[in-house]
Amino acid sequence: MSIQEIGVTNNQRKQLLRAIKNEDVLFTDDNGDLVVNVAAYLVFKETLKPRDADPIEVTIGVENLDFNSEFFVFT
């Protein structure tokens, strides 16, 4: 299992929680970290309307993400 840990601010955390309500994609673990299932997120992105921005890329920055990981953990 490959995990990419990414530090986020409180504002970024709130933005992610508002943008992604699907618990198969984004959930909070026992430590309070946000965990994203990358495969589920990629499927979720396909359901977005063309005018909607990709929520994680906009909030975190695409250059900070490794989509070869199975999970993103935002701490």
PDB file of N, CA and C in Angstrom:
ATOM      1  N   MET A   1       0.850  -1.166   0.000  1.00  0.00           N
ATOM      2  CA  MET A   1       0.000   0.000   0.000  1.00  0.00           C
ATOM      3  C   MET A   1       0.898   1.232   0.000  1.00  0.00           C
ATOM      4  N   SER A   2       0.662   2.136  -0.935  1.00  0.00           N
ATOM      5  CA  SER A   2       1.454   3.362  -0.987  1.00  0.00           C
ATOM      6  C   SER A   2       0.610   4.538  -0.515  1.00  0.00           C
ATOM      7  N   ILE A   3       1.203   5.303   0.375  1.00  0.00           N
ATOM      8  CA  ILE A   3       0.515   6.442   0.992  1.00  0.00           C
ATOM      9  C   ILE A   3       1.373   7.674   0.804  1.00  0.00           C
ATOM     10  N   GLN A   4       0.751   8.755   0.386  1.00  0.00           N
ATOM     11  CA  GLN A   4       1.444  10.034   0.312  1.00  0.00           C
ATOM     12  C   GLN A   4       0.878  10.936   1.400  1.00  0.00           C
ATOM     13  N   GLU A   5       1.734  11.348   2.320  1.00  0.00           N
ATOM     14  CA  GLU A   5       1.309  12.255   3.385  1.00  0.00           C
ATOM     15  C   GLU A   5       1.591  13.686   2.958  1.00  0.00           C
ATOM     16  N   ILE A   6       0.607  14.551   3.158  1.00  0.00           N
ATOM     17  CA  ILE A   6       0.710  15.945   2.743  1.00  0.00           C
ATOM     18  C   ILE A   6       0.205  16.816   3.889  1.00  0.00           C
ATOM     19  N   GLY A   7       0.999  17.762   4.298  1.00  0.00           N
ATOM     20  CA  GLY A   7       0.576  18.708   5.325  1.00  0.00           C
ATOM     21  C   GLY A   7      -0.347  19.760   4.726  1.00  0.00           C
ATOM     22  N   VAL A   8      -1.431  20.064   5.429  1.00  0.00           N
ATOM     23  CA  VAL A   8      -2.384  21.061   4.953  1.00  0.00           C
ATOM     24  C   VAL A   8      -2.715  22.034   6.077  1.00  0.00           C
ATOM     25  N   THR A   9      -3.173  23.201   5.679  1.00  0.00           N
ATOM     26  CA  THR A   9      -3.632  24.184   6.653  1.00  0.00           C
ATOM     27  C   THR A   9      -5.069  23.876   7.046  1.00  0.00           C
ATOM     28  N   ASN A  10      -5.532  24.512   8.079  1.00  0.00           N
ATOM     29  CA  ASN A  10      -6.909  24.321   8.516  1.00  0.00           C
ATOM     30  C   ASN A  10      -7.893  24.780   7.438  1.00  0.00           C
ATOM     31  N   ASN A  11      -7.564  25.869   6.737  1.00  0.00           N
ATOM     32  CA  ASN A  11      -8.443  26.351   5.663  1.00  0.00           C
ATOM     33  C   ASN A  11      -8.509  25.358   4.509  1.00  0.00           C
ATOM     34  N   GLN A  12      -7.378  24.762   4.145  1.00  0.00           N
ATOM     35  CA  GLN A  12      -7.373  23.758   3.076  1.00  0.00           C
ATOM     36  C   GLN A  12      -8.201  22.548   3.484  1.00  0.00           C
ATOM     37  N   ARG A  13      -8.083  22.155   4.724  1.00  0.00           N
ATOM     38  CA  ARG A  13      -8.858  21.027   5.253  1.00  0.00           C
ATOM     39  C   ARG A  13     -10.361  21.294   5.119  1.00  0.00           C
ATOM     40  N   LYS A  14     -10.778  22.490   5.493  1.00  0.00           N
ATOM     41  CA  LYS A  14     -12.193  22.866   5.396  1.00  0.00           C
ATOM     42  C   LYS A  14     -12.657  22.879   3.946  1.00  0.00           C
ATOM     43  N   GLN A  15     -11.816  23.369   3.044  1.00  0.00           N
ATOM     44  CA  GLN A  15     -12.164  23.397   1.620  1.00  0.00           C
ATOM     45  C   GLN A  15     -12.365  21.990   1.077  1.00  0.00           C
ATOM     46  N   LEU A  16     -11.481  21.076   1.456  1.00  0.00           N
ATOM     47  CA  LEU A  16     -11.609  19.691   0.991  1.00  0.00           C
ATOM     48  C   LEU A  16     -12.884  19.050   1.515  1.00  0.00           C
ATOM     49  N   LEU A  17     -13.195  19.276   2.779  1.00  0.00           N
ATOM     50  CA  LEU A  17     -14.403  18.694   3.371  1.00  0.00           C
ATOM     51  C   LEU A  17     -15.671  19.247   2.721  1.00  0.00           C
ATOM     52  N   ARG A  18     -15.651  20.521   2.339  1.00  0.00           N
ATOM     53  CA  ARG A  18     -16.810  21.112   1.656  1.00  0.00           C
ATOM     54  C   ARG A  18     -16.943  20.592   0.231  1.00  0.00           C
ATOM     55  N   ALA A  19     -15.811  20.379  -0.433  1.00  0.00           N
ATOM     56  CA  ALA A  19     -15.830  20.007  -1.852  1.00  0.00           C
ATOM     57  C   ALA A  19     -16.140  18.540  -2.098  1.00  0.00           C
ATOM     58  N   ILE A  20     -15.742  17.674  -1.155  1.00  0.00           N
ATOM     59  CA  ILE A  20     -15.904  16.228  -1.365  1.00  0.00           C
ATOM     60  C   ILE A  20     -16.705  15.653  -0.205  1.00  0.00           C
ATOM     61  N   LYS A  21     -17.934  15.332  -0.463  1.00  0.00           N
ATOM     62  CA  LYS A  21     -18.817  14.800   0.571  1.00  0.00           C
ATOM     63  C   LYS A  21     -18.949  13.277   0.516  1.00  0.00           C
ATOM     64  N   ASN A  22     -18.400  12.663  -0.517  1.00  0.00           N
ATOM     65  CA  ASN A  22     -18.485  11.218  -0.715  1.00  0.00           C
ATOM     66  C   ASN A  22     -17.499  10.514   0.222  1.00  0.00           C
ATOM     67  N   GLU A  23     -17.991   9.727   1.160  1.00  0.00           N
ATOM     68  CA  GLU A  23     -17.134   9.061   2.138  1.00  0.00           C
ATOM     69  C   GLU A  23     -16.337   7.903   1.542  1.00  0.00           C
ATOM     70  N   ASP A  24     -16.666   7.462   0.344  1.00  0.00           N
ATOM     71  CA  ASP A  24     -15.838   6.467  -0.338  1.00  0.00           C
ATOM     72  C   ASP A  24     -14.562   7.113  -0.874  1.00  0.00           C
ATOM     73  N   VAL A  25     -14.609   8.419  -1.057  1.00  0.00           N
ATOM     74  CA  VAL A  25     -13.475   9.167  -1.590  1.00  0.00           C
ATOM     75  C   VAL A  25     -12.655   9.791  -0.457  1.00  0.00           C
ATOM     76  N   LEU A  26     -13.325  10.488   0.444  1.00  0.00           N
ATOM     77  CA  LEU A  26     -12.660  11.240   1.501  1.00  0.00           C
ATOM     78  C   LEU A  26     -13.279  10.899   2.847  1.00  0.00           C
ATOM     79  N   PHE A  27     -12.444  10.525   3.794  1.00  0.00           N
ATOM     80  CA  PHE A  27     -12.935  10.248   5.135  1.00  0.00           C
ATOM     81  C   PHE A  27     -11.901  10.698   6.158  1.00  0.00           C
ATOM     82  N   THR A  28     -12.327  10.831   7.397  1.00  0.00           N
ATOM     83  CA  THR A  28     -11.451  11.227   8.485  1.00  0.00           C
ATOM     84  C   THR A  28     -11.066   9.988   9.272  1.00  0.00           C
ATOM     85  N   ASP A  29      -9.754   9.794   9.485  1.00  0.00           N
ATOM     86  CA  ASP A  29      -9.310   8.615  10.234  1.00  0.00           C
ATOM     87  C   ASP A  29      -9.357   8.890  11.736  1.00  0.00           C
ATOM     88  N   ASP A  30      -8.954   7.913  12.532  1.00  0.00           N
ATOM     89  CA  ASP A  30      -9.029   8.022  13.986  1.00  0.00           C
ATOM     90  C   ASP A  30      -8.166   9.149  14.542  1.00  0.00           C
ATOM     91  N   ASN A  31      -7.110   9.525  13.827  1.00  0.00           N
ATOM     92  CA  ASN A  31      -6.218  10.597  14.268  1.00  0.00           C
ATOM     93  C   ASN A  31      -6.728  11.978  13.878  1.00  0.00           C
ATOM     94  N   GLY A  32      -7.804  12.023  13.091  1.00  0.00           N
ATOM     95  CA  GLY A  32      -8.332  13.292  12.617  1.00  0.00           C
ATOM     96  C   GLY A  32      -7.767  13.719  11.272  1.00  0.00           C
ATOM     97  N   ASP A  33      -6.889  12.879  10.687  1.00  0.00           N
ATOM     98  CA  ASP A  33      -6.344  13.180   9.363  1.00  0.00           C
ATOM     99  C   ASP A  33      -7.390  12.883   8.293  1.00  0.00           C
ATOM    100  N   LEU A  34      -7.323  13.626   7.192  1.00  0.00           N
ATOM    101  CA  LEU A  34      -8.197  13.357   6.055  1.00  0.00           C
ATOM    102  C   LEU A  34      -7.508  12.353   5.148  1.00  0.00           C
ATOM    103  N   VAL A  35      -8.241  11.324   4.745  1.00  0.00           N
ATOM    104  CA  VAL A  35      -7.689  10.274   3.885  1.00  0.00           C
ATOM    105  C   VAL A  35      -8.497  10.237   2.595  1.00  0.00           C
ATOM    106  N   VAL A  36      -7.789  10.237   1.474  1.00  0.00           N
ATOM    107  CA  VAL A  36      -8.422  10.171   0.154  1.00  0.00           C
ATOM    108  C   VAL A  36      -7.998   8.880  -0.520  1.00  0.00           C
ATOM    109  N   ASN A  37      -8.977   8.102  -0.955  1.00  0.00           N
ATOM    110  CA  ASN A  37      -8.728   6.929  -1.776  1.00  0.00           C
ATOM    111  C   ASN A  37      -8.532   7.457  -3.199  1.00  0.00           C
ATOM    112  N   VAL A  38      -7.320   7.344  -3.720  1.00  0.00           N
ATOM    113  CA  VAL A  38      -6.983   7.961  -5.002  1.00  0.00           C
ATOM    114  C   VAL A  38      -7.817   7.375  -6.145  1.00  0.00           C
ATOM    115  N   ALA A  39      -7.990   6.067  -6.184  1.00  0.00           N
ATOM    116  CA  ALA A  39      -8.782   5.444  -7.259  1.00  0.00           C
ATOM    117  C   ALA A  39     -10.227   5.951  -7.225  1.00  0.00           C
ATOM    118  N   ALA A  40     -10.806   6.036  -6.039  1.00  0.00           N
ATOM    119  CA  ALA A  40     -12.178   6.533  -5.904  1.00  0.00           C
ATOM    120  C   ALA A  40     -12.249   8.014  -6.274  1.00  0.00           C
ATOM    121  N   TYR A  41     -11.214   8.762  -5.950  1.00  0.00           N
ATOM    122  CA  TYR A  41     -11.189  10.180  -6.302  1.00  0.00           C
ATOM    123  C   TYR A  41     -11.164  10.367  -7.816  1.00  0.00           C
ATOM    124  N   LEU A  42     -10.389   9.562  -8.517  1.00  0.00           N
ATOM    125  CA  LEU A  42     -10.323   9.677  -9.972  1.00  0.00           C
ATOM    126  C   LEU A  42     -11.677   9.384 -10.611  1.00  0.00           C
ATOM    127  N   VAL A  43     -12.408   8.417 -10.076  1.00  0.00           N
ATOM    128  CA  VAL A  43     -13.762   8.133 -10.560  1.00  0.00           C
ATOM    129  C   VAL A  43     -14.684   9.306 -10.218  1.00  0.00           C
ATOM    130  N   PHE A  44     -14.557   9.838  -9.003  1.00  0.00           N
ATOM    131  CA  PHE A  44     -15.351  10.988  -8.569  1.00  0.00           C
ATOM    132  C   PHE A  44     -15.138  12.185  -9.501  1.00  0.00           C
ATOM    133  N   LYS A  45     -13.887  12.439  -9.909  1.00  0.00           N
ATOM    134  CA  LYS A  45     -13.584  13.566 -10.797  1.00  0.00           C
ATOM    135  C   LYS A  45     -14.315  13.448 -12.122  1.00  0.00           C
ATOM    136  N   GLU A  46     -14.513  12.218 -12.594  1.00  0.00           N
ATOM    137  CA  GLU A  46     -15.207  12.014 -13.869  1.00  0.00           C
ATOM    138  C   GLU A  46     -16.671  12.431 -13.788  1.00  0.00           C
ATOM    139  N   THR A  47     -17.236  12.438 -12.581  1.00  0.00           N
ATOM    140  CA  THR A  47     -18.638  12.810 -12.415  1.00  0.00           C
ATOM    141  C   THR A  47     -18.832  14.313 -12.286  1.00  0.00           C
ATOM    142  N   LEU A  48     -17.736  15.066 -12.133  1.00  0.00           N
ATOM    143  CA  LEU A  48     -17.844  16.514 -12.001  1.00  0.00           C
ATOM    144  C   LEU A  48     -18.247  17.129 -13.327  1.00  0.00           C
ATOM    145  N   LYS A  49     -18.983  18.201 -13.254  1.00  0.00           N
ATOM    146  CA  LYS A  49     -19.358  18.927 -14.456  1.00  0.00           C
ATOM    147  C   LYS A  49     -18.119  19.614 -15.016  1.00  0.00           C
ATOM    148  N   PRO A  50     -18.068  19.796 -16.321  1.00  0.00           N
ATOM    149  CA  PRO A  50     -16.873  20.390 -16.936  1.00  0.00           C
ATOM    150  C   PRO A  50     -16.462  21.746 -16.342  1.00  0.00           C
ATOM    151  N   ARG A  51     -17.419  22.520 -15.881  1.00  0.00           N
ATOM    152  CA  ARG A  51     -17.069  23.834 -15.342  1.00  0.00           C
ATOM    153  C   ARG A  51     -16.555  23.753 -13.898  1.00  0.00           C
ATOM    154  N   ASP A  52     -16.766  22.619 -13.237  1.00  0.00           N
ATOM    155  CA  ASP A  52     -16.266  22.451 -11.872  1.00  0.00           C
ATOM    156  C   ASP A  52     -14.766  22.175 -11.893  1.00  0.00           C
ATOM    157  N   ALA A  53     -14.082  22.751 -10.946  1.00  0.00           N
ATOM    158  CA  ALA A  53     -12.639  22.517 -10.829  1.00  0.00           C
ATOM    159  C   ALA A  53     -12.393  21.227 -10.055  1.00  0.00           C
ATOM    160  N   ASP A  54     -11.248  20.621 -10.281  1.00  0.00           N
ATOM    161  CA  ASP A  54     -10.853  19.429  -9.527  1.00  0.00           C
ATOM    162  C   ASP A  54     -10.495  19.860  -8.113  1.00  0.00           C
ATOM    163  N   PRO A  55     -11.279  19.454  -7.111  1.00  0.00           N
ATOM    164  CA  PRO A  55     -11.156  20.035  -5.772  1.00  0.00           C
ATOM    165  C   PRO A  55      -9.800  19.848  -5.095  1.00  0.00           C
ATOM    166  N   ILE A  56      -9.183  18.699  -5.218  1.00  0.00           N
ATOM    167  CA  ILE A  56      -7.907  18.495  -4.531  1.00  0.00           C
ATOM    168  C   ILE A  56      -6.790  19.249  -5.249  1.00  0.00           C
ATOM    169  N   GLU A  57      -6.764  19.189  -6.570  1.00  0.00           N
ATOM    170  CA  GLU A  57      -5.720  19.870  -7.320  1.00  0.00           C
ATOM    171  C   GLU A  57      -5.758  21.378  -7.098  1.00  0.00           C
ATOM    172  N   VAL A  58      -6.952  21.943  -7.044  1.00  0.00           N
ATOM    173  CA  VAL A  58      -7.087  23.385  -6.830  1.00  0.00           C
ATOM    174  C   VAL A  58      -6.664  23.756  -5.409  1.00  0.00           C
ATOM    175  N   THR A  59      -7.061  22.971  -4.437  1.00  0.00           N
ATOM    176  CA  THR A  59      -6.785  23.278  -3.039  1.00  0.00           C
ATOM    177  C   THR A  59      -5.332  23.022  -2.668  1.00  0.00           C
ATOM    178  N   ILE A  60      -4.772  21.903  -3.094  1.00  0.00           N
ATOM    179  CA  ILE A  60      -3.430  21.485  -2.681  1.00  0.00           C
ATOM    180  C   ILE A  60      -2.370  21.853  -3.717  1.00  0.00           C
ATOM    181  N   GLY A  61      -2.731  21.789  -4.985  1.00  0.00           N
ATOM    182  CA  GLY A  61      -1.780  22.022  -6.068  1.00  0.00           C
ATOM    183  C   GLY A  61      -1.377  20.700  -6.694  1.00  0.00           C
ATOM    184  N   VAL A  62      -1.532  20.586  -7.978  1.00  0.00           N
ATOM    185  CA  VAL A  62      -1.277  19.332  -8.682  1.00  0.00           C
ATOM    186  C   VAL A  62       0.186  18.908  -8.567  1.00  0.00           C
ATOM    187  N   GLU A  63       1.096  19.871  -8.452  1.00  0.00           N
ATOM    188  CA  GLU A  63       2.519  19.537  -8.360  1.00  0.00           C
ATOM    189  C   GLU A  63       2.868  18.827  -7.058  1.00  0.00           C
ATOM    190  N   ASN A  64       1.991  18.895  -6.060  1.00  0.00           N
ATOM    191  CA  ASN A  64       2.229  18.252  -4.769  1.00  0.00           C
ATOM    192  C   ASN A  64       1.642  16.849  -4.674  1.00  0.00           C
ATOM    193  N   LEU A  65       0.976  16.383  -5.727  1.00  0.00           N
ATOM    194  CA  LEU A  65       0.246  15.116  -5.666  1.00  0.00           C
ATOM    195  C   LEU A  65       0.913  14.034  -6.518  1.00  0.00           C
ATOM    196  N   ASP A  66       0.976  12.829  -5.976  1.00  0.00           N
ATOM    197  CA  ASP A  66       1.487  11.665  -6.701  1.00  0.00           C
ATOM    198  C   ASP A  66       0.314  10.703  -6.900  1.00  0.00           C
ATOM    199  N   PHE A  67      -0.257  10.708  -8.099  1.00  0.00           N
ATOM    200  CA  PHE A  67      -1.433   9.893  -8.368  1.00  0.00           C
ATOM    201  C   PHE A  67      -1.118   8.409  -8.510  1.00  0.00           C
ATOM    202  N   ASN A  68       0.140   8.036  -8.348  1.00  0.00           N
ATOM    203  CA  ASN A  68       0.499   6.622  -8.304  1.00  0.00           C
ATOM    204  C   ASN A  68       0.297   6.047  -6.906  1.00  0.00           C
ATOM    205  N   SER A  69       0.058   6.910  -5.936  1.00  0.00           N
ATOM    206  CA  SER A  69      -0.218   6.466  -4.566  1.00  0.00           C
ATOM    207  C   SER A  69      -1.625   5.895  -4.487  1.00  0.00           C
ATOM    208  N   GLU A  70      -1.839   5.015  -3.512  1.00  0.00           N
ATOM    209  CA  GLU A  70      -3.182   4.485  -3.299  1.00  0.00           C
ATOM    210  C   GLU A  70      -4.019   5.435  -2.445  1.00  0.00           C
ATOM    211  N   PHE A  71      -3.352   6.142  -1.536  1.00  0.00           N
ATOM    212  CA  PHE A  71      -4.047   7.056  -0.643  1.00  0.00           C
ATOM    213  C   PHE A  71      -3.256   8.342  -0.471  1.00  0.00           C
ATOM    214  N   PHE A  72      -3.982   9.464  -0.347  1.00  0.00           N
ATOM    215  CA  PHE A  72      -3.414  10.719   0.118  1.00  0.00           C
ATOM    216  C   PHE A  72      -3.860  10.864   1.563  1.00  0.00           C
ATOM    217  N   VAL A  73      -2.952  11.232   2.441  1.00  0.00           N
ATOM    218  CA  VAL A  73      -3.304  11.496   3.837  1.00  0.00           C
ATOM    219  C   VAL A  73      -2.946  12.952   4.107  1.00  0.00           C
ATOM    220  N   PHE A  74      -3.948  13.750   4.374  1.00  0.00           N
ATOM    221  CA  PHE A  74      -3.743  15.169   4.648  1.00  0.00           C
ATOM    222  C   PHE A  74      -3.706  15.367   6.157  1.00  0.00           C
ATOM    223  N   THR A  75      -2.534  15.810   6.628  1.00  0.00           N
ATOM    224  CA  THR A  75      -2.341  15.966   8.074  1.00  0.00           C
ATOM    225  C   THR A  75      -2.324  17.423   8.467  1.00  0.00           C
TER     226      THR A  75
END
